[in-house]
Amino acid sequence: MNYQAINLNESAAQIKELWSPKVVGEIHDFQFKVVKIDGEFMWHEHQGADKVFIVLEGELFIAFRDGQVKVSQGEMIIIPGGPEHKPFAEKECHIMLVEPKEVVDTDSH
């Protein structure tokens, strides 16, 4: 067995495109993804699948139809499957996502 730590900051540094998650690990039916974001994503929902956002660097904001949450470096939020939401960042932000392998996001314009 090859045991090796995964450096999340190095993984994020290799990402060149915003909003393009890179899988850095898997366990059971879940994937761990690192992504760089800046600006706004579209309104969407996760068809019945919960999703975890862990902020590695910067600040993430998530707008919901009935409010907004700020998630700072070192914090995480669990978004339950169902509610429409729109992630955004005012400056570049690095995030780790934990989600089931077969997540289907649907646009809700």
C-alpha atoms as a PDB file:
ATOM      1  CA  MET A   1       0.000   0.000   0.000  1.00  0.00           C
ATOM      2  CA  ASN A   2       1.272   3.475  -0.850  1.00  0.00           C
ATOM      3  CA  TYR A   3       0.406   5.905   1.936  1.00  0.00           C
ATOM      4  CA  GLN A   4       0.652   9.543   0.946  1.00  0.00           C
ATOM      5  CA  ALA A   5      -0.690  12.832   2.274  1.00  0.00           C
ATOM      6  CA  ILE A   6      -2.614  15.030  -0.143  1.00  0.00           C
ATOM      7  CA  ASN A   7      -1.529  18.659   0.026  1.00  0.00           C
ATOM      8  CA  LEU A   8      -4.683  20.669  -0.665  1.00  0.00           C
ATOM      9  CA  ASN A   9      -2.818  23.958  -1.171  1.00  0.00           C
ATOM     10  CA  GLU A  10      -0.573  22.364  -3.803  1.00  0.00           C
ATOM     11  CA  SER A  11      -3.614  20.820  -5.469  1.00  0.00           C
ATOM     12  CA  ALA A  12      -5.294  24.234  -5.607  1.00  0.00           C
ATOM     13  CA  ALA A  13      -2.118  25.870  -6.961  1.00  0.00           C
ATOM     14  CA  GLN A  14      -2.203  23.501  -9.963  1.00  0.00           C
ATOM     15  CA  ILE A  15      -5.713  24.581 -10.950  1.00  0.00           C
ATOM     16  CA  LYS A  16      -5.655  27.149 -13.754  1.00  0.00           C
ATOM     17  CA  GLU A  17      -9.378  27.599 -14.469  1.00  0.00           C
ATOM     18  CA  LEU A  18     -11.988  29.013 -12.117  1.00  0.00           C
ATOM     19  CA  TRP A  19     -15.093  26.958 -11.328  1.00  0.00           C
ATOM     20  CA  SER A  20     -13.404  23.768 -12.583  1.00  0.00           C
ATOM     21  CA  PRO A  21     -13.201  21.255  -9.696  1.00  0.00           C
ATOM     22  CA  LYS A  22     -10.331  18.745  -9.621  1.00  0.00           C
ATOM     23  CA  VAL A  23     -10.842  15.393  -7.877  1.00  0.00           C
ATOM     24  CA  VAL A  24      -8.097  14.877  -5.278  1.00  0.00           C
ATOM     25  CA  GLY A  25      -9.471  11.806  -3.522  1.00  0.00           C
ATOM     26  CA  GLU A  26     -12.324   9.329  -3.222  1.00  0.00           C
ATOM     27  CA  ILE A  27     -13.764   7.253  -0.409  1.00  0.00           C
ATOM     28  CA  HIS A  28     -16.733   4.931  -0.734  1.00  0.00           C
ATOM     29  CA  ASP A  29     -19.166   6.774  -3.026  1.00  0.00           C
ATOM     30  CA  PHE A  30     -17.811  10.275  -2.285  1.00  0.00           C
ATOM     31  CA  GLN A  31     -15.323  12.496  -4.047  1.00  0.00           C
ATOM     32  CA  PHE A  32     -13.114  15.208  -2.569  1.00  0.00           C
ATOM     33  CA  LYS A  33     -12.607  18.052  -5.038  1.00  0.00           C
ATOM     34  CA  VAL A  34     -10.539  21.219  -4.901  1.00  0.00           C
ATOM     35  CA  VAL A  35     -11.786  24.239  -6.837  1.00  0.00           C
ATOM     36  CA  LYS A  36     -10.882  27.907  -7.263  1.00  0.00           C
ATOM     37  CA  ILE A  37     -13.771  30.336  -7.544  1.00  0.00           C
ATOM     38  CA  ASP A  38     -14.181  34.057  -8.135  1.00  0.00           C
ATOM     39  CA  GLY A  39     -17.335  35.927  -9.058  1.00  0.00           C
ATOM     40  CA  GLU A  40     -20.726  34.231  -9.227  1.00  0.00           C
ATOM     41  CA  PHE A  41     -21.954  30.781 -10.132  1.00  0.00           C
ATOM     42  CA  MET A  42     -25.496  30.155 -11.371  1.00  0.00           C
ATOM     43  CA  TRP A  43     -28.539  29.377  -9.240  1.00  0.00           C
ATOM     44  CA  HIS A  44     -28.807  25.589  -8.945  1.00  0.00           C
ATOM     45  CA  GLU A  45     -29.773  22.723  -6.665  1.00  0.00           C
ATOM     46  CA  HIS A  46     -28.381  19.264  -5.913  1.00  0.00           C
ATOM     47  CA  GLN A  47     -31.101  16.732  -6.628  1.00  0.00           C
ATOM     48  CA  GLY A  48     -31.440  15.175  -3.178  1.00  0.00           C
ATOM     49  CA  ALA A  49     -27.660  14.969  -2.541  1.00  0.00           C
ATOM     50  CA  ASP A  50     -26.003  16.861   0.298  1.00  0.00           C
ATOM     51  CA  LYS A  51     -22.769  18.697  -0.538  1.00  0.00           C
ATOM     52  CA  VAL A  52     -20.015  19.985   1.772  1.00  0.00           C
ATOM     53  CA  PHE A  53     -18.077  23.200   1.062  1.00  0.00           C
ATOM     54  CA  ILE A  54     -14.836  23.639   3.081  1.00  0.00           C
ATOM     55  CA  VAL A  55     -13.048  26.971   2.607  1.00  0.00           C
ATOM     56  CA  LEU A  56      -9.281  26.512   2.347  1.00  0.00           C
ATOM     57  CA  GLU A  57      -8.447  30.124   1.491  1.00  0.00           C
ATOM     58  CA  GLY A  58     -10.538  33.292   1.201  1.00  0.00           C
ATOM     59  CA  GLU A  59     -14.268  33.764   1.783  1.00  0.00           C
ATOM     60  CA  LEU A  60     -17.173  31.990   0.153  1.00  0.00           C
ATOM     61  CA  PHE A  61     -20.688  33.361   0.098  1.00  0.00           C
ATOM     62  CA  ILE A  62     -23.726  31.242  -0.654  1.00  0.00           C
ATOM     63  CA  ALA A  63     -26.962  32.975  -1.548  1.00  0.00           C
ATOM     64  CA  PHE A  64     -30.216  31.164  -0.885  1.00  0.00           C
ATOM     65  CA  ARG A  65     -33.660  32.349  -1.991  1.00  0.00           C
ATOM     66  CA  ASP A  66     -34.331  33.314   1.646  1.00  0.00           C
ATOM     67  CA  GLY A  67     -30.921  34.535   2.847  1.00  0.00           C
ATOM     68  CA  GLN A  68     -27.158  34.351   2.554  1.00  0.00           C
ATOM     69  CA  VAL A  69     -24.284  32.671   4.427  1.00  0.00           C
ATOM     70  CA  LYS A  70     -20.624  33.708   4.597  1.00  0.00           C
ATOM     71  CA  VAL A  71     -18.124  30.866   5.018  1.00  0.00           C
ATOM     72  CA  SER A  72     -14.600  31.962   5.970  1.00  0.00           C
ATOM     73  CA  GLN A  73     -11.241  30.201   5.747  1.00  0.00           C
ATOM     74  CA  GLY A  74     -11.212  27.188   8.055  1.00  0.00           C
ATOM     75  CA  GLU A  75     -15.020  26.907   8.064  1.00  0.00           C
ATOM     76  CA  MET A  76     -17.396  24.580   6.278  1.00  0.00           C
ATOM     77  CA  ILE A  77     -21.059  24.410   5.385  1.00  0.00           C
ATOM     78  CA  ILE A  78     -23.268  21.480   4.481  1.00  0.00           C
ATOM     79  CA  ILE A  79     -25.806  22.290   1.772  1.00  0.00           C
ATOM     80  CA  PRO A  80     -28.662  19.788   1.855  1.00  0.00           C
ATOM     81  CA  GLY A  81     -29.996  18.471  -1.421  1.00  0.00           C
ATOM     82  CA  GLY A  82     -32.926  20.526  -2.601  1.00  0.00           C
ATOM     83  CA  PRO A  83     -32.620  24.235  -1.766  1.00  0.00           C
ATOM     84  CA  GLU A  84     -31.654  26.505  -4.642  1.00  0.00           C
ATOM     85  CA  HIS A  85     -28.429  28.330  -3.983  1.00  0.00           C
ATOM     86  CA  LYS A  86     -25.762  30.384  -5.731  1.00  0.00           C
ATOM     87  CA  PRO A  87     -22.132  30.286  -4.535  1.00  0.00           C
ATOM     88  CA  PHE A  88     -20.001  33.370  -5.103  1.00  0.00           C
ATOM     89  CA  ALA A  89     -16.774  35.023  -3.979  1.00  0.00           C
ATOM     90  CA  GLU A  90     -15.771  38.677  -4.062  1.00  0.00           C
ATOM     91  CA  LYS A  91     -12.083  37.645  -4.436  1.00  0.00           C
ATOM     92  CA  GLU A  92     -10.472  34.371  -5.466  1.00  0.00           C
ATOM     93  CA  CYS A  93     -11.380  31.636  -3.000  1.00  0.00           C
ATOM     94  CA  HIS A  94     -10.122  28.042  -2.727  1.00  0.00           C
ATOM     95  CA  ILE A  95     -12.624  25.404  -1.653  1.00  0.00           C
ATOM     96  CA  MET A  96     -12.742  21.684  -1.070  1.00  0.00           C
ATOM     97  CA  LEU A  97     -16.031  20.067  -2.050  1.00  0.00           C
ATOM     98  CA  VAL A  98     -17.166  16.722  -0.678  1.00  0.00           C
ATOM     99  CA  GLU A  99     -20.000  15.214  -2.656  1.00  0.00           C
ATOM    100  CA  PRO A 100     -21.403  11.920  -3.903  1.00  0.00           C
ATOM    101  CA  LYS A 101     -19.823  10.778  -7.176  1.00  0.00           C
ATOM    102  CA  GLU A 102     -23.093  11.074  -9.072  1.00  0.00           C
ATOM    103  CA  VAL A 103     -24.279  14.593  -8.123  1.00  0.00           C
ATOM    104  CA  VAL A 104     -26.616  16.142 -10.674  1.00  0.00           C
ATOM    105  CA  ASP A 105     -26.797  19.939 -10.493  1.00  0.00           C
ATOM    106  CA  THR A 106     -29.785  21.516 -12.156  1.00  0.00           C
ATOM    107  CA  ASP A 107     -29.916  25.114 -13.350  1.00  0.00           C
ATOM    108  CA  SER A 108     -32.739  27.189 -11.969  1.00  0.00           C
ATOM    109  CA  HIS A 109     -32.126  30.524 -13.715  1.00  0.00           C
END
